[in-house]
Amino acid sequence: MTLCVSLFRFVHMLIFLINFFFSVHATSEVNTEKKRKRTTGREILEGSKRKKKKKKQYQPNYFISIPITNPEITDGIRAVQDAIIQKDHRLSKAMVRCGSLHVTMLVMHLSGEEEIGIAVDALSDSKDFVEDLLKGKTVDLSFQGIDHFKNEVGFVKLTENDHTAILTEIAETMKKIFQEKGILAGEGRAFKPHLTFMKLSKSTQLRKEVKKIDSSLYEDFKSQYFGDEVLHRLDLCSMLKKKQPNGYYYCESSVFLGKNREADLVKEALHRETQALLSRLNQIKELLSSPEIRMKISKELFEDNSNSKWKSCISSGLPNA
């Protein structure tokens, strides 16, 4: 009887020890697994942070631009924008100002003044290549038809021809020139020149209201011819710095293509400004030709009798110099 009791106690103790051993082993494995998961999770998190930091660090903030200056093109695009806004006024926030219209040749990230200086030099080097390639000929960029990217960006298409082939060659060579100077330039996707006139990303609030742009809004313009732009200038522009008064981007540097082209551009700019001023002056004269308008001006500016002389001038028309 005593032997049986002792044997029973021994077996009971053995079972207890076996259970204790497996319990400790299992706990150790669980702790090891938890530690491994924590380590793996931390590595994944750190890797994700590094990727986000790298993505943020290399996000493009500069680009090479071909400015669009042909009034025929800008007026045509403005008409399309107006037609779209009439159908959906929310999209007014998505419209690109006519002064900002351009074709992007190359995007890049410049981290400071030193890299900006290097990029300016690279742009200057690119001029020599472009002029050697053109050999005195011009590149006429023909704009016709409208398309979109994922129904989030609306753009005018470039007609594919020998000139766009040359443009692609220029873009690829410029990319190499900038990269050889240590500038992080270019994108993974293929070069597809286009003229953006509308994009949802211009307004965070708009993105919440409009997920996609209905292509039927510009159905009437899908095949429209907008005009030609001669490649005459390449600009190094900032995406983030304050734009110029005319709506165009801040330029760090520009190169002009073709002999005497710079002087011609100055003349063209002065002519456009003169025409704009004359047009505005004619509008003012037409406005002042209305007796009602003259009377309103008279009441607002000359309420007391001390200005009766000028009041009579306003009532009868503009004073003689």
C-alpha atoms as a PDB file:
ATOM      1  CA  MET A   1       0.000   0.000   0.000  1.00  0.00           C
ATOM      2  CA  THR A   2       2.813   2.369   0.945  1.00  0.00           C
ATOM      3  CA  LEU A   3       4.603   1.480  -2.273  1.00  0.00           C
ATOM      4  CA  CYS A   4       1.547   2.325  -4.350  1.00  0.00           C
ATOM      5  CA  VAL A   5       1.173   5.691  -2.634  1.00  0.00           C
ATOM      6  CA  SER A   6       4.831   6.514  -3.202  1.00  0.00           C
ATOM      7  CA  LEU A   7       4.595   5.435  -6.827  1.00  0.00           C
ATOM      8  CA  PHE A   8       1.469   7.567  -7.298  1.00  0.00           C
ATOM      9  CA  ARG A   9       3.222  10.587  -5.784  1.00  0.00           C
ATOM     10  CA  PHE A  10       6.243  10.022  -8.012  1.00  0.00           C
ATOM     11  CA  VAL A  11       4.116   9.836 -11.149  1.00  0.00           C
ATOM     12  CA  HIS A  12       2.189  12.930 -10.075  1.00  0.00           C
ATOM     13  CA  MET A  13       5.449  14.824  -9.510  1.00  0.00           C
ATOM     14  CA  LEU A  14       6.787  13.667 -12.873  1.00  0.00           C
ATOM     15  CA  ILE A  15       3.670  14.894 -14.683  1.00  0.00           C
ATOM     16  CA  PHE A  16       3.935  18.213 -12.846  1.00  0.00           C
ATOM     17  CA  LEU A  17       7.585  18.604 -13.896  1.00  0.00           C
ATOM     18  CA  ILE A  18       6.802  17.704 -17.513  1.00  0.00           C
ATOM     19  CA  ASN A  19       3.941  20.223 -17.662  1.00  0.00           C
ATOM     20  CA  PHE A  20       6.137  22.875 -16.036  1.00  0.00           C
ATOM     21  CA  PHE A  21       8.900  22.248 -18.568  1.00  0.00           C
ATOM     22  CA  PHE A  22       6.588  22.558 -21.582  1.00  0.00           C
ATOM     23  CA  SER A  23       4.928  25.621 -20.079  1.00  0.00           C
ATOM     24  CA  VAL A  24       8.272  27.384 -19.648  1.00  0.00           C
ATOM     25  CA  HIS A  25       9.371  26.323 -23.134  1.00  0.00           C
ATOM     26  CA  ALA A  26       6.130  27.526 -24.696  1.00  0.00           C
ATOM     27  CA  THR A  27       6.348  30.846 -22.842  1.00  0.00           C
ATOM     28  CA  SER A  28       9.927  31.258 -24.029  1.00  0.00           C
ATOM     29  CA  GLU A  29       8.865  30.583 -27.631  1.00  0.00           C
ATOM     30  CA  VAL A  30       5.969  33.034 -27.352  1.00  0.00           C
ATOM     31  CA  ASN A  31       8.245  35.716 -25.947  1.00  0.00           C
ATOM     32  CA  THR A  32      10.808  35.044 -28.668  1.00  0.00           C
ATOM     33  CA  GLU A  33       8.108  35.261 -31.329  1.00  0.00           C
ATOM     34  CA  LYS A  34       6.765  38.492 -29.849  1.00  0.00           C
ATOM     35  CA  LYS A  35      10.265  39.936 -29.763  1.00  0.00           C
ATOM     36  CA  ARG A  36      10.832  38.847 -33.354  1.00  0.00           C
ATOM     37  CA  LYS A  37       7.547  40.466 -34.424  1.00  0.00           C
ATOM     38  CA  ARG A  38       8.422  43.653 -32.564  1.00  0.00           C
ATOM     39  CA  THR A  39      11.833  43.734 -34.212  1.00  0.00           C
ATOM     40  CA  THR A  40      10.368  42.994 -37.638  1.00  0.00           C
ATOM     41  CA  GLY A  41       7.641  45.572 -37.148  1.00  0.00           C
ATOM     42  CA  ARG A  42      10.197  48.169 -36.085  1.00  0.00           C
ATOM     43  CA  GLU A  43      12.348  47.365 -39.121  1.00  0.00           C
ATOM     44  CA  ILE A  44       9.313  47.698 -41.418  1.00  0.00           C
ATOM     45  CA  LEU A  45       8.332  50.998 -39.784  1.00  0.00           C
ATOM     46  CA  GLU A  46      11.869  52.352 -40.033  1.00  0.00           C
ATOM     47  CA  GLY A  47      12.077  51.206 -43.656  1.00  0.00           C
ATOM     48  CA  SER A  48       8.767  52.894 -44.381  1.00  0.00           C
ATOM     49  CA  LYS A  49       9.989  56.098 -42.762  1.00  0.00           C
ATOM     50  CA  ARG A  50      13.189  55.987 -44.805  1.00  0.00           C
ATOM     51  CA  LYS A  51      11.178  55.521 -47.997  1.00  0.00           C
ATOM     52  CA  LYS A  52       8.866  58.407 -47.098  1.00  0.00           C
ATOM     53  CA  LYS A  53      11.855  60.591 -46.246  1.00  0.00           C
ATOM     54  CA  LYS A  54      13.551  59.651 -49.502  1.00  0.00           C
ATOM     55  CA  LYS A  55      10.363  60.295 -51.477  1.00  0.00           C
ATOM     56  CA  LYS A  56       9.928  63.664 -49.789  1.00  0.00           C
ATOM     57  CA  GLN A  57      13.583  64.540 -50.274  1.00  0.00           C
ATOM     58  CA  TYR A  58      13.520  63.747 -54.008  1.00  0.00           C
ATOM     59  CA  GLN A  59      10.166  65.267 -54.812  1.00  0.00           C
ATOM     60  CA  PRO A  60      10.552  67.530 -57.893  1.00  0.00           C
ATOM     61  CA  ASN A  61      10.554  71.241 -57.126  1.00  0.00           C
ATOM     62  CA  TYR A  62      11.972  72.648 -60.394  1.00  0.00           C
ATOM     63  CA  PHE A  63      11.335  72.033 -64.083  1.00  0.00           C
ATOM     64  CA  ILE A  64      12.411  73.055 -67.563  1.00  0.00           C
ATOM     65  CA  SER A  65       9.571  74.862 -69.293  1.00  0.00           C
ATOM     66  CA  ILE A  66       8.624  75.883 -72.817  1.00  0.00           C
ATOM     67  CA  PRO A  67       6.363  78.929 -72.264  1.00  0.00           C
ATOM     68  CA  ILE A  68       3.254  79.222 -74.425  1.00  0.00           C
ATOM     69  CA  THR A  69       3.036  82.780 -75.747  1.00  0.00           C
ATOM     70  CA  ASN A  70       0.961  82.479 -78.931  1.00  0.00           C
ATOM     71  CA  PRO A  71      -2.309  84.419 -78.272  1.00  0.00           C
ATOM     72  CA  GLU A  72      -4.186  82.101 -80.643  1.00  0.00           C
ATOM     73  CA  ILE A  73      -3.413  79.164 -78.350  1.00  0.00           C
ATOM     74  CA  THR A  74      -4.065  80.956 -75.059  1.00  0.00           C
ATOM     75  CA  ASP A  75      -7.339  82.468 -76.323  1.00  0.00           C
ATOM     76  CA  GLY A  76      -8.519  79.070 -77.540  1.00  0.00           C
ATOM     77  CA  ILE A  77      -7.749  77.455 -74.199  1.00  0.00           C
ATOM     78  CA  ARG A  78      -9.492  80.264 -72.341  1.00  0.00           C
ATOM     79  CA  ALA A  79     -12.610  79.598 -74.427  1.00  0.00           C
ATOM     80  CA  VAL A  80     -12.504  75.909 -73.471  1.00  0.00           C
ATOM     81  CA  GLN A  81     -12.082  76.784 -69.802  1.00  0.00           C
ATOM     82  CA  ASP A  82     -15.013  79.204 -69.897  1.00  0.00           C
ATOM     83  CA  ALA A  83     -17.233  76.605 -71.566  1.00  0.00           C
ATOM     84  CA  ILE A  84     -16.370  73.996 -68.925  1.00  0.00           C
ATOM     85  CA  ILE A  85     -16.957  76.416 -66.032  1.00  0.00           C
ATOM     86  CA  GLN A  86     -20.378  77.325 -67.428  1.00  0.00           C
ATOM     87  CA  LYS A  87     -21.343  73.647 -67.168  1.00  0.00           C
ATOM     88  CA  ASP A  88     -19.674  73.029 -63.799  1.00  0.00           C
ATOM     89  CA  HIS A  89     -18.659  76.150 -61.890  1.00  0.00           C
ATOM     90  CA  ARG A  90     -16.763  74.078 -59.290  1.00  0.00           C
ATOM     91  CA  LEU A  91     -14.040  73.429 -61.851  1.00  0.00           C
ATOM     92  CA  SER A  92     -13.066  77.110 -61.926  1.00  0.00           C
ATOM     93  CA  LYS A  93     -10.631  76.185 -59.132  1.00  0.00           C
ATOM     94  CA  ALA A  94      -9.001  73.593 -61.393  1.00  0.00           C
ATOM     95  CA  MET A  95      -8.163  75.946 -64.248  1.00  0.00           C
ATOM     96  CA  VAL A  96      -4.564  76.872 -65.083  1.00  0.00           C
ATOM     97  CA  ARG A  97      -4.087  80.593 -65.683  1.00  0.00           C
ATOM     98  CA  CYS A  98      -3.231  81.424 -69.279  1.00  0.00           C
ATOM     99  CA  GLY A  99      -0.046  83.126 -68.110  1.00  0.00           C
ATOM    100  CA  SER A 100       1.089  79.809 -66.611  1.00  0.00           C
ATOM    101  CA  LEU A 101       0.580  77.697 -69.733  1.00  0.00           C
ATOM    102  CA  HIS A 102       3.680  75.733 -70.665  1.00  0.00           C
ATOM    103  CA  VAL A 103       5.077  72.420 -71.843  1.00  0.00           C
ATOM    104  CA  THR A 104       7.270  70.616 -69.315  1.00  0.00           C
ATOM    105  CA  MET A 105      10.502  69.243 -70.743  1.00  0.00           C
ATOM    106  CA  LEU A 106      12.114  67.929 -67.568  1.00  0.00           C
ATOM    107  CA  VAL A 107      11.475  67.866 -63.806  1.00  0.00           C
ATOM    108  CA  MET A 108      14.148  67.805 -61.100  1.00  0.00           C
ATOM    109  CA  HIS A 109      14.892  68.305 -57.419  1.00  0.00           C
ATOM    110  CA  LEU A 110      17.250  71.122 -56.443  1.00  0.00           C
ATOM    111  CA  SER A 111      18.081  71.157 -52.728  1.00  0.00           C
ATOM    112  CA  GLY A 112      19.713  74.585 -52.481  1.00  0.00           C
ATOM    113  CA  GLU A 113      21.424  77.534 -54.108  1.00  0.00           C
ATOM    114  CA  GLU A 114      24.467  75.461 -55.061  1.00  0.00           C
ATOM    115  CA  GLU A 115      22.395  72.956 -57.014  1.00  0.00           C
ATOM    116  CA  ILE A 116      20.379  75.781 -58.570  1.00  0.00           C
ATOM    117  CA  GLY A 117      23.656  77.227 -59.863  1.00  0.00           C
ATOM    118  CA  ILE A 118      24.641  73.842 -61.275  1.00  0.00           C
ATOM    119  CA  ALA A 119      21.241  73.559 -62.973  1.00  0.00           C
ATOM    120  CA  VAL A 120      21.670  77.022 -64.515  1.00  0.00           C
ATOM    121  CA  ASP A 121      24.987  75.870 -65.988  1.00  0.00           C
ATOM    122  CA  ALA A 122      23.377  72.680 -67.277  1.00  0.00           C
ATOM    123  CA  LEU A 123      20.651  74.711 -68.984  1.00  0.00           C
ATOM    124  CA  SER A 124      23.307  76.855 -70.646  1.00  0.00           C
ATOM    125  CA  ASP A 125      25.105  73.726 -71.878  1.00  0.00           C
ATOM    126  CA  SER A 126      21.800  72.415 -73.219  1.00  0.00           C
ATOM    127  CA  LYS A 127      21.412  75.502 -75.401  1.00  0.00           C
ATOM    128  CA  ASP A 128      24.557  74.628 -77.367  1.00  0.00           C
ATOM    129  CA  PHE A 129      23.291  71.110 -77.990  1.00  0.00           C
ATOM    130  CA  VAL A 130      19.829  72.257 -79.068  1.00  0.00           C
ATOM    131  CA  GLU A 131      21.181  74.801 -81.535  1.00  0.00           C
ATOM    132  CA  ASP A 132      23.606  72.227 -82.965  1.00  0.00           C
ATOM    133  CA  LEU A 133      20.693  69.852 -83.391  1.00  0.00           C
ATOM    134  CA  LEU A 134      18.420  72.398 -85.057  1.00  0.00           C
ATOM    135  CA  LYS A 135      21.084  73.847 -87.368  1.00  0.00           C
ATOM    136  CA  GLY A 136      19.137  77.059 -87.794  1.00  0.00           C
ATOM    137  CA  LYS A 137      15.769  75.372 -88.281  1.00  0.00           C
ATOM    138  CA  THR A 138      12.746  76.028 -86.078  1.00  0.00           C
ATOM    139  CA  VAL A 139      10.661  73.590 -84.068  1.00  0.00           C
ATOM    140  CA  ASP A 140       6.961  74.255 -84.614  1.00  0.00           C
ATOM    141  CA  LEU A 141       4.803  72.671 -81.918  1.00  0.00           C
ATOM    142  CA  SER A 142       1.271  72.125 -83.214  1.00  0.00           C
ATOM    143  CA  PHE A 143      -1.507  71.853 -80.633  1.00  0.00           C
ATOM    144  CA  GLN A 144      -4.694  70.034 -81.555  1.00  0.00           C
ATOM    145  CA  GLY A 145      -7.246  68.013 -79.599  1.00  0.00           C
ATOM    146  CA  ILE A 146      -7.935  67.478 -75.904  1.00  0.00           C
ATOM    147  CA  ASP A 147      -7.205  64.443 -73.744  1.00  0.00           C
ATOM    148  CA  HIS A 148      -6.892  63.618 -70.048  1.00  0.00           C
ATOM    149  CA  PHE A 149      -4.868  61.721 -67.444  1.00  0.00           C
ATOM    150  CA  LYS A 150      -7.143  59.506 -65.303  1.00  0.00           C
ATOM    151  CA  ASN A 151      -9.929  62.103 -65.667  1.00  0.00           C
ATOM    152  CA  GLU A 152      -8.007  64.252 -63.178  1.00  0.00           C
ATOM    153  CA  VAL A 153      -5.937  66.357 -65.591  1.00  0.00           C
ATOM    154  CA  GLY A 154      -7.123  67.953 -68.824  1.00  0.00           C
ATOM    155  CA  PHE A 155      -4.569  68.844 -71.482  1.00  0.00           C
ATOM    156  CA  VAL A 156      -4.191  69.915 -75.107  1.00  0.00           C
ATOM    157  CA  LYS A 157      -2.308  67.385 -77.219  1.00  0.00           C
ATOM    158  CA  LEU A 158       0.727  67.981 -79.404  1.00  0.00           C
ATOM    159  CA  THR A 159       0.408  66.701 -82.938  1.00  0.00           C
ATOM    160  CA  GLU A 160       2.950  63.917 -83.435  1.00  0.00           C
ATOM    161  CA  ASN A 161       5.332  64.698 -86.282  1.00  0.00           C
ATOM    162  CA  ASP A 162       9.023  65.254 -86.994  1.00  0.00           C
ATOM    163  CA  HIS A 163       9.031  68.307 -84.762  1.00  0.00           C
ATOM    164  CA  THR A 164       7.752  66.425 -81.712  1.00  0.00           C
ATOM    165  CA  ALA A 165      10.361  63.737 -82.413  1.00  0.00           C
ATOM    166  CA  ILE A 166      13.055  66.430 -82.225  1.00  0.00           C
ATOM    167  CA  LEU A 167      11.463  67.733 -79.017  1.00  0.00           C
ATOM    168  CA  THR A 168      11.725  64.250 -77.488  1.00  0.00           C
ATOM    169  CA  GLU A 169      15.386  64.053 -78.484  1.00  0.00           C
ATOM    170  CA  ILE A 170      16.008  67.446 -76.884  1.00  0.00           C
ATOM    171  CA  ALA A 171      14.306  66.345 -73.664  1.00  0.00           C
ATOM    172  CA  GLU A 172      16.298  63.101 -73.426  1.00  0.00           C
ATOM    173  CA  THR A 173      19.608  64.859 -74.028  1.00  0.00           C
ATOM    174  CA  MET A 174      18.827  67.572 -71.489  1.00  0.00           C
ATOM    175  CA  LYS A 175      18.052  64.857 -68.966  1.00  0.00           C
ATOM    176  CA  LYS A 176      21.504  63.323 -69.529  1.00  0.00           C
ATOM    177  CA  ILE A 177      23.240  66.697 -69.278  1.00  0.00           C
ATOM    178  CA  PHE A 178      21.578  67.474 -65.944  1.00  0.00           C
ATOM    179  CA  GLN A 179      22.186  63.979 -64.547  1.00  0.00           C
ATOM    180  CA  GLU A 180      25.870  64.068 -65.542  1.00  0.00           C
ATOM    181  CA  LYS A 181      26.213  67.207 -63.427  1.00  0.00           C
ATOM    182  CA  GLY A 182      24.786  65.364 -60.418  1.00  0.00           C
ATOM    183  CA  ILE A 183      21.251  66.758 -60.617  1.00  0.00           C
ATOM    184  CA  LEU A 184      18.453  64.332 -59.807  1.00  0.00           C
ATOM    185  CA  ALA A 185      16.371  64.894 -62.933  1.00  0.00           C
ATOM    186  CA  GLY A 186      13.740  63.047 -64.910  1.00  0.00           C
ATOM    187  CA  GLU A 187      10.912  60.638 -64.180  1.00  0.00           C
ATOM    188  CA  GLY A 188      10.433  56.929 -64.571  1.00  0.00           C
ATOM    189  CA  ARG A 189       7.695  57.279 -67.146  1.00  0.00           C
ATOM    190  CA  ALA A 190       8.289  58.052 -70.819  1.00  0.00           C
ATOM    191  CA  PHE A 191       8.374  61.655 -72.019  1.00  0.00           C
ATOM    192  CA  LYS A 192       4.922  62.729 -73.208  1.00  0.00           C
ATOM    193  CA  PRO A 193       4.790  66.457 -73.989  1.00  0.00           C
ATOM    194  CA  HIS A 194       1.402  68.055 -73.356  1.00  0.00           C
ATOM    195  CA  LEU A 195      -0.206  71.379 -72.455  1.00  0.00           C
ATOM    196  CA  THR A 196      -2.133  71.169 -69.170  1.00  0.00           C
ATOM    197  CA  PHE A 197      -5.026  73.598 -68.790  1.00  0.00           C
ATOM    198  CA  MET A 198      -6.996  71.979 -65.956  1.00  0.00           C
ATOM    199  CA  LYS A 199      -6.164  69.729 -62.982  1.00  0.00           C
ATOM    200  CA  LEU A 200      -8.012  68.766 -59.829  1.00  0.00           C
ATOM    201  CA  SER A 201      -4.825  68.854 -57.730  1.00  0.00           C
ATOM    202  CA  LYS A 202      -4.862  72.677 -57.827  1.00  0.00           C
ATOM    203  CA  SER A 203      -7.388  72.667 -54.972  1.00  0.00           C
ATOM    204  CA  THR A 204      -7.536  70.318 -51.984  1.00  0.00           C
ATOM    205  CA  GLN A 205     -11.146  71.309 -51.351  1.00  0.00           C
ATOM    206  CA  LEU A 206     -12.027  70.609 -54.981  1.00  0.00           C
ATOM    207  CA  ARG A 207     -10.601  67.075 -54.735  1.00  0.00           C
ATOM    208  CA  LYS A 208     -13.129  66.396 -51.984  1.00  0.00           C
ATOM    209  CA  GLU A 209     -16.007  67.651 -54.127  1.00  0.00           C
ATOM    210  CA  VAL A 210     -14.970  66.304 -57.553  1.00  0.00           C
ATOM    211  CA  LYS A 211     -13.295  62.903 -57.892  1.00  0.00           C
ATOM    212  CA  LYS A 212     -13.243  62.785 -61.693  1.00  0.00           C
ATOM    213  CA  ILE A 213     -13.617  65.333 -64.501  1.00  0.00           C
ATOM    214  CA  ASP A 214     -16.476  64.440 -66.833  1.00  0.00           C
ATOM    215  CA  SER A 215     -14.980  64.333 -70.338  1.00  0.00           C
ATOM    216  CA  SER A 216     -18.342  65.303 -71.827  1.00  0.00           C
ATOM    217  CA  LEU A 217     -17.730  68.818 -70.495  1.00  0.00           C
ATOM    218  CA  TYR A 218     -15.194  69.415 -73.267  1.00  0.00           C
ATOM    219  CA  GLU A 219     -16.624  67.061 -75.883  1.00  0.00           C
ATOM    220  CA  ASP A 220     -17.109  69.911 -78.383  1.00  0.00           C
ATOM    221  CA  PHE A 221     -13.385  70.739 -78.292  1.00  0.00           C
ATOM    222  CA  LYS A 222     -11.847  67.256 -78.469  1.00  0.00           C
ATOM    223  CA  SER A 223     -10.621  67.744 -82.037  1.00  0.00           C
ATOM    224  CA  GLN A 224     -10.111  71.515 -82.058  1.00  0.00           C
ATOM    225  CA  TYR A 225      -6.940  73.003 -83.532  1.00  0.00           C
ATOM    226  CA  PHE A 226      -5.467  75.584 -81.125  1.00  0.00           C
ATOM    227  CA  GLY A 227      -2.426  76.843 -83.040  1.00  0.00           C
ATOM    228  CA  ASP A 228       1.358  76.496 -83.278  1.00  0.00           C
ATOM    229  CA  GLU A 229       4.085  77.572 -80.873  1.00  0.00           C
ATOM    230  CA  VAL A 230       7.660  78.034 -82.060  1.00  0.00           C
ATOM    231  CA  LEU A 231      10.283  76.684 -79.663  1.00  0.00           C
ATOM    232  CA  HIS A 232      12.203  79.849 -78.885  1.00  0.00           C
ATOM    233  CA  ARG A 233      12.952  79.699 -75.168  1.00  0.00           C
ATOM    234  CA  LEU A 234      13.715  77.252 -72.376  1.00  0.00           C
ATOM    235  CA  ASP A 235      13.196  78.316 -68.754  1.00  0.00           C
ATOM    236  CA  LEU A 236      14.413  76.864 -65.465  1.00  0.00           C
ATOM    237  CA  CYS A 237      11.339  77.406 -63.286  1.00  0.00           C
ATOM    238  CA  SER A 238      10.491  76.902 -59.636  1.00  0.00           C
ATOM    239  CA  MET A 239       7.319  75.023 -58.675  1.00  0.00           C
ATOM    240  CA  LEU A 240       7.227  76.594 -55.209  1.00  0.00           C
ATOM    241  CA  LYS A 241       8.452  80.193 -55.431  1.00  0.00           C
ATOM    242  CA  LYS A 242       5.979  83.029 -55.961  1.00  0.00           C
ATOM    243  CA  LYS A 243       4.827  83.373 -59.554  1.00  0.00           C
ATOM    244  CA  GLN A 244       5.331  86.470 -61.666  1.00  0.00           C
ATOM    245  CA  PRO A 245       2.525  89.084 -61.951  1.00  0.00           C
ATOM    246  CA  ASN A 246       1.484  87.678 -65.340  1.00  0.00           C
ATOM    247  CA  GLY A 247       0.943  84.246 -63.771  1.00  0.00           C
ATOM    248  CA  TYR A 248       4.090  82.625 -65.167  1.00  0.00           C
ATOM    249  CA  TYR A 249       6.463  80.731 -62.909  1.00  0.00           C
ATOM    250  CA  TYR A 250       9.497  82.191 -61.158  1.00  0.00           C
ATOM    251  CA  CYS A 251      12.472  81.736 -63.503  1.00  0.00           C
ATOM    252  CA  GLU A 252      15.986  81.114 -62.238  1.00  0.00           C
ATOM    253  CA  SER A 253      17.385  81.287 -65.772  1.00  0.00           C
ATOM    254  CA  SER A 254      16.357  81.270 -69.431  1.00  0.00           C
ATOM    255  CA  VAL A 255      18.044  80.488 -72.717  1.00  0.00           C
ATOM    256  CA  PHE A 256      16.909  81.831 -76.075  1.00  0.00           C
ATOM    257  CA  LEU A 257      17.225  79.809 -79.248  1.00  0.00           C
ATOM    258  CA  GLY A 258      18.115  81.171 -82.673  1.00  0.00           C
ATOM    259  CA  LYS A 259      20.121  84.171 -83.845  1.00  0.00           C
ATOM    260  CA  ASN A 260      18.713  87.563 -82.806  1.00  0.00           C
ATOM    261  CA  ARG A 261      15.779  85.742 -81.313  1.00  0.00           C
ATOM    262  CA  GLU A 262      16.140  87.496 -77.975  1.00  0.00           C
ATOM    263  CA  ALA A 263      15.794  90.940 -79.583  1.00  0.00           C
ATOM    264  CA  ASP A 264      12.773  89.738 -81.548  1.00  0.00           C
ATOM    265  CA  LEU A 265      11.165  88.469 -78.359  1.00  0.00           C
ATOM    266  CA  VAL A 266      11.631  91.809 -76.651  1.00  0.00           C
ATOM    267  CA  LYS A 267       9.942  93.529 -79.594  1.00  0.00           C
ATOM    268  CA  GLU A 268       7.113  90.999 -79.512  1.00  0.00           C
ATOM    269  CA  ALA A 269       6.629  91.513 -75.776  1.00  0.00           C
ATOM    270  CA  LEU A 270       6.570  95.300 -76.132  1.00  0.00           C
ATOM    271  CA  HIS A 271       4.087  95.021 -78.989  1.00  0.00           C
ATOM    272  CA  ARG A 272       1.786  92.782 -76.926  1.00  0.00           C
ATOM    273  CA  GLU A 273       1.969  95.115 -73.937  1.00  0.00           C
ATOM    274  CA  THR A 274       1.261  98.142 -76.141  1.00  0.00           C
ATOM    275  CA  GLN A 275      -1.720  96.443 -77.742  1.00  0.00           C
ATOM    276  CA  ALA A 276      -3.054  95.477 -74.314  1.00  0.00           C
ATOM    277  CA  LEU A 277      -2.738  99.055 -73.052  1.00  0.00           C
ATOM    278  CA  LEU A 278      -4.435 100.456 -76.155  1.00  0.00           C
ATOM    279  CA  SER A 279      -7.240  97.952 -75.768  1.00  0.00           C
ATOM    280  CA  ARG A 280      -7.700  98.957 -72.136  1.00  0.00           C
ATOM    281  CA  LEU A 281      -7.658 102.643 -73.051  1.00  0.00           C
ATOM    282  CA  ASN A 282     -10.374 102.084 -75.647  1.00  0.00           C
ATOM    283  CA  GLN A 283     -12.471 100.297 -73.042  1.00  0.00           C
ATOM    284  CA  ILE A 284     -12.115 103.241 -70.670  1.00  0.00           C
ATOM    285  CA  LYS A 285     -13.067 105.716 -73.420  1.00  0.00           C
ATOM    286  CA  GLU A 286     -16.099 103.620 -74.308  1.00  0.00           C
ATOM    287  CA  LEU A 287     -17.071 103.483 -70.645  1.00  0.00           C
ATOM    288  CA  LEU A 288     -16.779 107.253 -70.245  1.00  0.00           C
ATOM    289  CA  SER A 289     -18.893 107.827 -73.326  1.00  0.00           C
ATOM    290  CA  SER A 290     -21.946 106.809 -71.295  1.00  0.00           C
ATOM    291  CA  PRO A 291     -23.727 109.852 -69.699  1.00  0.00           C
ATOM    292  CA  GLU A 292     -24.842 107.671 -66.789  1.00  0.00           C
ATOM    293  CA  ILE A 293     -21.246 106.648 -65.983  1.00  0.00           C
ATOM    294  CA  ARG A 294     -20.057 110.262 -66.196  1.00  0.00           C
ATOM    295  CA  MET A 295     -22.830 111.335 -63.847  1.00  0.00           C
ATOM    296  CA  LYS A 296     -21.899 108.652 -61.303  1.00  0.00           C
ATOM    297  CA  ILE A 297     -18.262 109.712 -61.391  1.00  0.00           C
ATOM    298  CA  SER A 298     -19.315 113.322 -61.008  1.00  0.00           C
ATOM    299  CA  LYS A 299     -21.414 112.565 -57.917  1.00  0.00           C
ATOM    300  CA  GLU A 300     -18.729 110.464 -56.240  1.00  0.00           C
ATOM    301  CA  LEU A 301     -15.730 112.712 -56.890  1.00  0.00           C
ATOM    302  CA  PHE A 302     -17.167 116.221 -57.007  1.00  0.00           C
ATOM    303  CA  GLU A 303     -19.891 116.505 -54.395  1.00  0.00           C
ATOM    304  CA  ASP A 304     -19.019 120.068 -53.256  1.00  0.00           C
ATOM    305  CA  ASN A 305     -19.233 123.221 -55.377  1.00  0.00           C
ATOM    306  CA  SER A 306     -15.502 123.962 -55.038  1.00  0.00           C
ATOM    307  CA  ASN A 307     -14.808 121.482 -57.837  1.00  0.00           C
ATOM    308  CA  SER A 308     -17.438 122.872 -60.189  1.00  0.00           C
ATOM    309  CA  LYS A 309     -14.861 123.515 -62.900  1.00  0.00           C
ATOM    310  CA  TRP A 310     -13.848 119.861 -63.089  1.00  0.00           C
ATOM    311  CA  LYS A 311     -17.444 118.817 -62.618  1.00  0.00           C
ATOM    312  CA  SER A 312     -18.429 120.654 -65.775  1.00  0.00           C
ATOM    313  CA  CYS A 313     -15.494 119.049 -67.596  1.00  0.00           C
ATOM    314  CA  ILE A 314     -16.578 115.579 -66.571  1.00  0.00           C
ATOM    315  CA  SER A 315     -20.190 116.304 -67.557  1.00  0.00           C
ATOM    316  CA  SER A 316     -19.199 117.476 -71.009  1.00  0.00           C
ATOM    317  CA  GLY A 317     -16.467 114.899 -71.640  1.00  0.00           C
ATOM    318  CA  LEU A 318     -12.765 114.459 -70.961  1.00  0.00           C
ATOM    319  CA  PRO A 319     -10.840 117.713 -70.250  1.00  0.00           C
ATOM    320  CA  ASN A 320      -8.497 118.926 -72.907  1.00  0.00           C
ATOM    321  CA  ALA A 321      -4.796 118.690 -72.107  1.00  0.00           C
END
